Amino acid sequence: KRKLESGANTPTGESGSSSEVMLSKPTDQARG
């Protein structure tokens, strides 16, 4: 639903705002 509302389904070349953000974080387990 968010992708549709933000214009993620618009044709190539048309602008659309994003309602999601890509984040990274360390895993809970680290190699010793």
Full PDB file with SEQRES, HELIX, SHEET, SSBOND, CRYST1, ORIGX, SCALE, CONECT and MASTER records, all heavy atoms in Angstrom:
SEQRES   1 A   32  LYS ARG LYS LEU GLU SER GLY ALA ASN THR PRO THR GLY          
SEQRES   2 A   32  GLU SER GLY SER SER SER GLU VAL MET LEU SER LYS PRO          
SEQRES   3 A   32  THR ASP GLN ALA ARG GLY                                      
HELIX    1 AA1 ARG A    2  SER A    6  1                                   5    
CRYST1    1.000    1.000    1.000  90.00  90.00  90.00 P 1           1          
ORIGX1      1.000000  0.000000  0.000000        0.00000                         
ORIGX2      0.000000  1.000000  0.000000        0.00000                         
ORIGX3      0.000000  0.000000  1.000000        0.00000                         
SCALE1      1.000000  0.000000  0.000000        0.00000                         
SCALE2      0.000000  1.000000  0.000000        0.00000                         
SCALE3      0.000000  0.000000  1.000000        0.00000                         
ATOM      1  N   LYS A   1       0.832  -1.203   0.000  1.00  0.00           N  
ATOM      2  CA  LYS A   1       0.000   0.000   0.000  1.00  0.00           C  
ATOM      3  C   LYS A   1       0.865   1.251   0.000  1.00  0.00           C  
ATOM      4  O   LYS A   1       0.595   2.210  -0.719  1.00  0.00           O  
ATOM      5  CB  LYS A   1      -0.915  -0.025   1.219  1.00  0.00           C  
ATOM      6  CG  LYS A   1      -1.854   1.168   1.313  1.00  0.00           C  
ATOM      7  CD  LYS A   1      -2.740   1.043   2.545  1.00  0.00           C  
ATOM      8  CE  LYS A   1      -3.655   2.270   2.650  1.00  0.00           C  
ATOM      9  NZ  LYS A   1      -4.505   2.195   3.876  1.00  0.00           N  
ATOM     10  N   ARG A   2       1.945   1.257   0.805  1.00  0.00           N  
ATOM     11  CA  ARG A   2       2.829   2.418   0.868  1.00  0.00           C  
ATOM     12  C   ARG A   2       3.514   2.666  -0.477  1.00  0.00           C  
ATOM     13  O   ARG A   2       3.701   3.793  -0.893  1.00  0.00           O  
ATOM     14  CB  ARG A   2       3.880   2.219   1.960  1.00  0.00           C  
ATOM     15  CG  ARG A   2       3.338   2.389   3.374  1.00  0.00           C  
ATOM     16  CD  ARG A   2       4.423   2.057   4.386  1.00  0.00           C  
ATOM     17  NE  ARG A   2       3.956   2.251   5.753  1.00  0.00           N  
ATOM     18  CZ  ARG A   2       4.087   3.379   6.429  1.00  0.00           C  
ATOM     19  NH1 ARG A   2       4.645   4.438   5.849  1.00  0.00           N  
ATOM     20  NH2 ARG A   2       3.651   3.482   7.671  1.00  0.00           N  
ATOM     21  N   LYS A   3       3.908   1.585  -1.154  1.00  0.00           N  
ATOM     22  CA  LYS A   3       4.543   1.749  -2.460  1.00  0.00           C  
ATOM     23  C   LYS A   3       3.594   2.370  -3.466  1.00  0.00           C  
ATOM     24  O   LYS A   3       3.960   3.220  -4.273  1.00  0.00           O  
ATOM     25  CB  LYS A   3       5.052   0.394  -2.963  1.00  0.00           C  
ATOM     26  CG  LYS A   3       6.287  -0.100  -2.244  1.00  0.00           C  
ATOM     27  CD  LYS A   3       6.792  -1.394  -2.855  1.00  0.00           C  
ATOM     28  CE  LYS A   3       8.061  -1.853  -2.167  1.00  0.00           C  
ATOM     29  NZ  LYS A   3       8.579  -3.110  -2.773  1.00  0.00           N  
ATOM     30  N   LEU A   4       2.339   1.939  -3.425  1.00  0.00           N  
ATOM     31  CA  LEU A   4       1.351   2.514  -4.339  1.00  0.00           C  
ATOM     32  C   LEU A   4       1.112   3.986  -4.030  1.00  0.00           C  
ATOM     33  O   LEU A   4       1.017   4.827  -4.933  1.00  0.00           O  
ATOM     34  CB  LEU A   4       0.045   1.721  -4.244  1.00  0.00           C  
ATOM     35  CG  LEU A   4       0.078   0.281  -4.764  1.00  0.00           C  
ATOM     36  CD1 LEU A   4      -1.231  -0.427  -4.458  1.00  0.00           C  
ATOM     37  CD2 LEU A   4       0.337   0.276  -6.268  1.00  0.00           C  
ATOM     38  N   GLU A   5       1.030   4.304  -2.740  1.00  0.00           N  
ATOM     39  CA  GLU A   5       0.783   5.687  -2.360  1.00  0.00           C  
ATOM     40  C   GLU A   5       1.972   6.585  -2.654  1.00  0.00           C  
ATOM     41  O   GLU A   5       1.813   7.773  -2.950  1.00  0.00           O  
ATOM     42  CB  GLU A   5       0.443   5.754  -0.868  1.00  0.00           C  
ATOM     43  CG  GLU A   5      -0.897   5.117  -0.526  1.00  0.00           C  
ATOM     44  CD  GLU A   5      -1.148   5.118   0.974  1.00  0.00           C  
ATOM     45  OE1 GLU A   5      -0.198   5.435   1.721  1.00  0.00           O  
ATOM     46  OE2 GLU A   5      -2.276   4.800   1.389  1.00  0.00           O  
ATOM     47  N   SER A   6       3.195   6.035  -2.577  1.00  0.00           N  
ATOM     48  CA  SER A   6       4.379   6.864  -2.775  1.00  0.00           C  
ATOM     49  C   SER A   6       4.786   6.975  -4.233  1.00  0.00           C  
ATOM     50  O   SER A   6       5.769   7.625  -4.560  1.00  0.00           O  
ATOM     51  CB  SER A   6       5.550   6.302  -1.971  1.00  0.00           C  
ATOM     52  OG  SER A   6       5.892   5.010  -2.447  1.00  0.00           O  
ATOM     53  N   GLY A   7       4.049   6.293  -5.105  1.00  0.00           N  
ATOM     54  CA  GLY A   7       4.361   6.385  -6.531  1.00  0.00           C  
ATOM     55  C   GLY A   7       5.370   5.378  -7.004  1.00  0.00           C  
ATOM     56  O   GLY A   7       5.996   5.567  -8.041  1.00  0.00           O  
ATOM     57  N   ALA A   8       5.574   4.297  -6.212  1.00  0.00           N  
ATOM     58  CA  ALA A   8       6.540   3.285  -6.619  1.00  0.00           C  
ATOM     59  C   ALA A   8       6.095   2.540  -7.858  1.00  0.00           C  
ATOM     60  O   ALA A   8       6.893   1.912  -8.530  1.00  0.00           O  
ATOM     61  CB  ALA A   8       6.756   2.285  -5.473  1.00  0.00           C  
ATOM     62  N   ASN A   9       4.802   2.626  -8.169  1.00  0.00           N  
ATOM     63  CA  ASN A   9       4.297   1.927  -9.339  1.00  0.00           C  
ATOM     64  C   ASN A   9       4.161   2.842 -10.548  1.00  0.00           C  
ATOM     65  O   ASN A   9       3.547   2.494 -11.535  1.00  0.00           O  
ATOM     66  CB  ASN A   9       2.932   1.308  -9.021  1.00  0.00           C  
ATOM     67  CG  ASN A   9       1.902   2.376  -8.632  1.00  0.00           C  
ATOM     68  OD1 ASN A   9       2.281   3.446  -8.164  1.00  0.00           O  
ATOM     69  ND2 ASN A   9       0.624   2.076  -8.838  1.00  0.00           N  
ATOM     70  N   THR A  10       4.742   4.046 -10.462  1.00  0.00           N  
ATOM     71  CA  THR A  10       4.667   4.973 -11.596  1.00  0.00           C  
ATOM     72  C   THR A  10       5.618   4.526 -12.683  1.00  0.00           C  
ATOM     73  O   THR A  10       6.624   3.865 -12.415  1.00  0.00           O  
ATOM     74  CB  THR A  10       5.025   6.395 -11.148  1.00  0.00           C  
ATOM     75  OG1 THR A  10       6.333   6.361 -10.535  1.00  0.00           O  
ATOM     76  CG2 THR A  10       4.017   6.918 -10.152  1.00  0.00           C  
ATOM     77  N   PRO A  11       5.378   4.874 -13.944  1.00  0.00           N  
ATOM     78  CA  PRO A  11       6.254   4.470 -15.031  1.00  0.00           C  
ATOM     79  C   PRO A  11       7.663   5.015 -14.840  1.00  0.00           C  
ATOM     80  O   PRO A  11       7.885   5.997 -14.134  1.00  0.00           O  
ATOM     81  CB  PRO A  11       5.582   5.088 -16.275  1.00  0.00           C  
ATOM     82  CG  PRO A  11       4.157   5.299 -15.866  1.00  0.00           C  
ATOM     83  CD  PRO A  11       4.175   5.593 -14.411  1.00  0.00           C  
ATOM     84  N   THR A  12       8.637   4.346 -15.484  1.00  0.00           N  
ATOM     85  CA  THR A  12      10.033   4.754 -15.381  1.00  0.00           C  
ATOM     86  C   THR A  12      10.211   6.191 -15.852  1.00  0.00           C  
ATOM     87  O   THR A  12       9.709   6.582 -16.904  1.00  0.00           O  
ATOM     88  CB  THR A  12      10.916   3.822 -16.238  1.00  0.00           C  
ATOM     89  OG1 THR A  12      10.681   2.473 -15.816  1.00  0.00           O  
ATOM     90  CG2 THR A  12      12.388   4.169 -16.082  1.00  0.00           C  
ATOM     91  N   GLY A  13      10.965   6.953 -15.061  1.00  0.00           N  
ATOM     92  CA  GLY A  13      11.216   8.345 -15.433  1.00  0.00           C  
ATOM     93  C   GLY A  13      10.367   9.305 -14.655  1.00  0.00           C  
ATOM     94  O   GLY A  13      10.690  10.483 -14.560  1.00  0.00           O  
ATOM     95  N   GLU A  14       9.231   8.850 -14.092  1.00  0.00           N  
ATOM     96  CA  GLU A  14       8.401   9.735 -13.298  1.00  0.00           C  
ATOM     97  C   GLU A  14       8.858   9.708 -11.847  1.00  0.00           C  
ATOM     98  O   GLU A  14       9.271   8.686 -11.326  1.00  0.00           O  
ATOM     99  CB  GLU A  14       6.924   9.297 -13.387  1.00  0.00           C  
ATOM    100  CG  GLU A  14       6.351   9.414 -14.793  1.00  0.00           C  
ATOM    101  CD  GLU A  14       4.877   9.074 -14.820  1.00  0.00           C  
ATOM    102  OE1 GLU A  14       4.256   9.085 -13.741  1.00  0.00           O  
ATOM    103  OE2 GLU A  14       4.348   8.802 -15.901  1.00  0.00           O  
ATOM    104  N   SER A  15       8.800  10.850 -11.208  1.00  0.00           N  
ATOM    105  CA  SER A  15       9.280  10.944  -9.834  1.00  0.00           C  
ATOM    106  C   SER A  15       8.193  10.524  -8.865  1.00  0.00           C  
ATOM    107  O   SER A  15       7.010  10.626  -9.138  1.00  0.00           O  
ATOM    108  CB  SER A  15       9.721  12.381  -9.540  1.00  0.00           C  
ATOM    109  OG  SER A  15       8.614  13.268  -9.681  1.00  0.00           O  
ATOM    110  N   GLY A  16       8.643  10.069  -7.680  1.00  0.00           N  
ATOM    111  CA  GLY A  16       7.705   9.707  -6.624  1.00  0.00           C  
ATOM    112  C   GLY A  16       8.444   9.654  -5.308  1.00  0.00           C  
ATOM    113  O   GLY A  16       9.578   9.190  -5.227  1.00  0.00           O  
ATOM    114  N   SER A  17       7.888  10.153  -4.261  1.00  0.00           N  
ATOM    115  CA  SER A  17       8.553  10.176  -2.968  1.00  0.00           C  
ATOM    116  C   SER A  17       8.521   8.784  -2.358  1.00  0.00           C  
ATOM    117  O   SER A  17       7.618   8.000  -2.590  1.00  0.00           O  
ATOM    118  CB  SER A  17       7.864  11.179  -2.046  1.00  0.00           C  
ATOM    119  OG  SER A  17       6.516  10.795  -1.841  1.00  0.00           O  
ATOM    120  N   SER A  18       9.513   8.481  -1.530  1.00  0.00           N  
ATOM    121  CA  SER A  18       9.606   7.168  -0.894  1.00  0.00           C  
ATOM    122  C   SER A  18       9.170   7.278   0.558  1.00  0.00           C  
ATOM    123  O   SER A  18       9.478   8.239   1.248  1.00  0.00           O  
ATOM    124  CB  SER A  18      11.050   6.657  -0.971  1.00  0.00           C  
ATOM    125  OG  SER A  18      11.173   5.458  -0.260  1.00  0.00           O  
ATOM    126  N   SER A  19       8.415   6.281   1.033  1.00  0.00           N  
ATOM    127  CA  SER A  19       7.967   6.258   2.413  1.00  0.00           C  
ATOM    128  C   SER A  19       8.733   5.230   3.223  1.00  0.00           C  
ATOM    129  O   SER A  19       8.343   4.899   4.325  1.00  0.00           O  
ATOM    130  CB  SER A  19       6.471   5.953   2.464  1.00  0.00           C  
ATOM    131  OG  SER A  19       6.211   4.681   1.897  1.00  0.00           O  
ATOM    132  N   GLU A  20       9.803   4.695   2.672  1.00  0.00           N  
ATOM    133  CA  GLU A  20      10.610   3.704   3.366  1.00  0.00           C  
ATOM    134  C   GLU A  20      12.073   4.122   3.343  1.00  0.00           C  
ATOM    135  O   GLU A  20      12.502   4.892   2.483  1.00  0.00           O  
ATOM    136  CB  GLU A  20      10.439   2.327   2.720  1.00  0.00           C  
ATOM    137  CG  GLU A  20       9.021   1.769   2.833  1.00  0.00           C  
ATOM    138  CD  GLU A  20       8.919   0.374   2.259  1.00  0.00           C  
ATOM    139  OE1 GLU A  20       9.909  -0.069   1.633  1.00  0.00           O  
ATOM    140  OE2 GLU A  20       7.889  -0.273   2.439  1.00  0.00           O  
ATOM    141  N   VAL A  21      12.820   3.613   4.293  1.00  0.00           N  
ATOM    142  CA  VAL A  21      14.248   3.914   4.379  1.00  0.00           C  
ATOM    143  C   VAL A  21      15.005   2.608   4.604  1.00  0.00           C  
ATOM    144  O   VAL A  21      14.519   1.707   5.295  1.00  0.00           O  
ATOM    145  CB  VAL A  21      14.531   4.913   5.520  1.00  0.00           C  
ATOM    146  CG1 VAL A  21      14.084   4.347   6.870  1.00  0.00           C  
ATOM    147  CG2 VAL A  21      16.009   5.278   5.569  1.00  0.00           C  
ATOM    148  N   MET A  22      16.177   2.498   3.992  1.00  0.00           N  
ATOM    149  CA  MET A  22      16.995   1.297   4.120  1.00  0.00           C  
ATOM    150  C   MET A  22      18.039   1.528   5.205  1.00  0.00           C  
ATOM    151  O   MET A  22      18.797   2.498   5.168  1.00  0.00           O  
ATOM    152  CB  MET A  22      17.674   0.962   2.787  1.00  0.00           C  
ATOM    153  CG  MET A  22      18.432  -0.354   2.806  1.00  0.00           C  
ATOM    154  SD  MET A  22      19.082  -0.797   1.195  1.00  0.00           S  
ATOM    155  CE  MET A  22      17.548  -1.157   0.317  1.00  0.00           C  
ATOM    156  N   LEU A  23      18.079   0.641   6.189  1.00  0.00           N  
ATOM    157  CA  LEU A  23      18.984   0.758   7.319  1.00  0.00           C  
ATOM    158  C   LEU A  23      19.814  -0.513   7.463  1.00  0.00           C  
ATOM    159  O   LEU A  23      19.439  -1.575   6.970  1.00  0.00           O  
ATOM    160  CB  LEU A  23      18.193   0.988   8.618  1.00  0.00           C  
ATOM    161  CG  LEU A  23      17.267   2.200   8.673  1.00  0.00           C  
ATOM    162  CD1 LEU A  23      16.472   2.194   9.972  1.00  0.00           C  
ATOM    163  CD2 LEU A  23      18.071   3.491   8.548  1.00  0.00           C  
ATOM    164  N   SER A  24      20.940  -0.401   8.142  1.00  0.00           N  
ATOM    165  CA  SER A  24      21.777  -1.563   8.430  1.00  0.00           C  
ATOM    166  C   SER A  24      22.150  -1.554   9.906  1.00  0.00           C  
ATOM    167  O   SER A  24      22.268  -0.489  10.523  1.00  0.00           O  
ATOM    168  CB  SER A  24      23.047  -1.551   7.582  1.00  0.00           C  
ATOM    169  OG  SER A  24      23.866  -0.439   7.904  1.00  0.00           O  
ATOM    170  N   LYS A  25      22.350  -2.756  10.446  1.00  0.00           N  
ATOM    171  CA  LYS A  25      22.764  -2.876  11.842  1.00  0.00           C  
ATOM    172  C   LYS A  25      23.551  -4.173  11.997  1.00  0.00           C  
ATOM    173  O   LYS A  25      23.367  -5.133  11.230  1.00  0.00           O  
ATOM    174  CB  LYS A  25      21.556  -2.877  12.770  1.00  0.00           C  
ATOM    175  CG  LYS A  25      20.727  -4.146  12.774  1.00  0.00           C  
ATOM    176  CD  LYS A  25      19.621  -4.086  13.799  1.00  0.00           C  
ATOM    177  CE  LYS A  25      18.917  -5.435  13.954  1.00  0.00           C  
ATOM    178  NZ  LYS A  25      19.803  -6.454  14.555  1.00  0.00           N  
ATOM    179  N   PRO A  26      24.457  -4.203  12.978  1.00  0.00           N  
ATOM    180  CA  PRO A  26      25.230  -5.435  13.181  1.00  0.00           C  
ATOM    181  C   PRO A  26      24.318  -6.584  13.612  1.00  0.00           C  
ATOM    182  O   PRO A  26      23.296  -6.385  14.270  1.00  0.00           O  
ATOM    183  CB  PRO A  26      26.207  -5.057  14.308  1.00  0.00           C  
ATOM    184  CG  PRO A  26      26.205  -3.571  14.347  1.00  0.00           C  
ATOM    185  CD  PRO A  26      24.865  -3.135  13.886  1.00  0.00           C  
ATOM    186  N   THR A  27      24.697  -7.780  13.210  1.00  0.00           N  
ATOM    187  CA  THR A  27      23.956  -8.962  13.640  1.00  0.00           C  
ATOM    188  C   THR A  27      24.181  -9.200  15.131  1.00  0.00           C  
ATOM    189  O   THR A  27      25.150  -8.711  15.726  1.00  0.00           O  
ATOM    190  CB  THR A  27      24.393 -10.204  12.856  1.00  0.00           C  
ATOM    191  OG1 THR A  27      25.808 -10.373  13.014  1.00  0.00           O  
ATOM    192  CG2 THR A  27      24.068 -10.058  11.386  1.00  0.00           C  
ATOM    193  N   ASP A  28      23.286  -9.959  15.733  1.00  0.00           N  
ATOM    194  CA  ASP A  28      23.375 -10.215  17.173  1.00  0.00           C  
ATOM    195  C   ASP A  28      24.575 -11.086  17.521  1.00  0.00           C  
ATOM    196  O   ASP A  28      25.124 -10.996  18.613  1.00  0.00           O  
ATOM    197  CB  ASP A  28      22.092 -10.877  17.672  1.00  0.00           C  
ATOM    198  CG  ASP A  28      20.878  -9.967  17.513  1.00  0.00           C  
ATOM    199  OD1 ASP A  28      21.066  -8.738  17.545  1.00  0.00           O  
ATOM    200  OD2 ASP A  28      19.763 -10.486  17.335  1.00  0.00           O  
ATOM    201  N   GLN A  29      24.991 -11.927  16.583  1.00  0.00           N  
ATOM    202  CA  GLN A  29      26.105 -12.824  16.844  1.00  0.00           C  
ATOM    203  C   GLN A  29      27.305 -12.418  15.997  1.00  0.00           C  
ATOM    204  O   GLN A  29      27.171 -12.185  14.793  1.00  0.00           O  
ATOM    205  CB  GLN A  29      25.731 -14.270  16.535  1.00  0.00           C  
ATOM    206  CG  GLN A  29      24.632 -14.829  17.447  1.00  0.00           C  
ATOM    207  CD  GLN A  29      24.305 -16.269  17.118  1.00  0.00           C  
ATOM    208  OE1 GLN A  29      24.686 -16.777  16.083  1.00  0.00           O  
ATOM    209  NE2 GLN A  29      23.585 -16.931  18.013  1.00  0.00           N  
ATOM    210  N   ALA A  30      28.472 -12.309  16.630  1.00  0.00           N  
ATOM    211  CA  ALA A  30      29.707 -11.971  15.927  1.00  0.00           C  
ATOM    212  C   ALA A  30      30.646 -13.171  15.942  1.00  0.00           C  
ATOM    213  O   ALA A  30      30.650 -13.961  16.893  1.00  0.00           O  
ATOM    214  CB  ALA A  30      30.386 -10.762  16.576  1.00  0.00           C  
ATOM    215  N   ARG A  31      31.440 -13.316  14.886  1.00  0.00           N  
ATOM    216  CA  ARG A  31      32.392 -14.415  14.828  1.00  0.00           C  
ATOM    217  C   ARG A  31      33.549 -14.136  15.781  1.00  0.00           C  
ATOM    218  O   ARG A  31      34.027 -13.012  15.894  1.00  0.00           O  
ATOM    219  CB  ARG A  31      32.915 -14.570  13.398  1.00  0.00           C  
ATOM    220  CG  ARG A  31      31.819 -14.878  12.401  1.00  0.00           C  
ATOM    221  CD  ARG A  31      32.353 -14.976  10.997  1.00  0.00           C  
ATOM    222  NE  ARG A  31      31.277 -15.033  10.014  1.00  0.00           N  
ATOM    223  CZ  ARG A  31      31.463 -15.051   8.701  1.00  0.00           C  
ATOM    224  NH1 ARG A  31      32.688 -14.999   8.215  1.00  0.00           N  
ATOM    225  NH2 ARG A  31      30.443 -15.106   7.883  1.00  0.00           N  
ATOM    226  N   GLY A  32      33.999 -15.173  16.442  1.00  0.00           N  
ATOM    227  CA  GLY A  32      35.009 -15.005  17.475  1.00  0.00           C  
ATOM    228  C   GLY A  32      36.427 -15.070  16.951  1.00  0.00           C  
ATOM    229  O   GLY A  32      36.698 -15.006  15.750  1.00  0.00           O  
TER     230      GLY A  32                                                      
MASTER        0    0    0    1    0    0    0    6  229    1    0    3          
END                                                                             
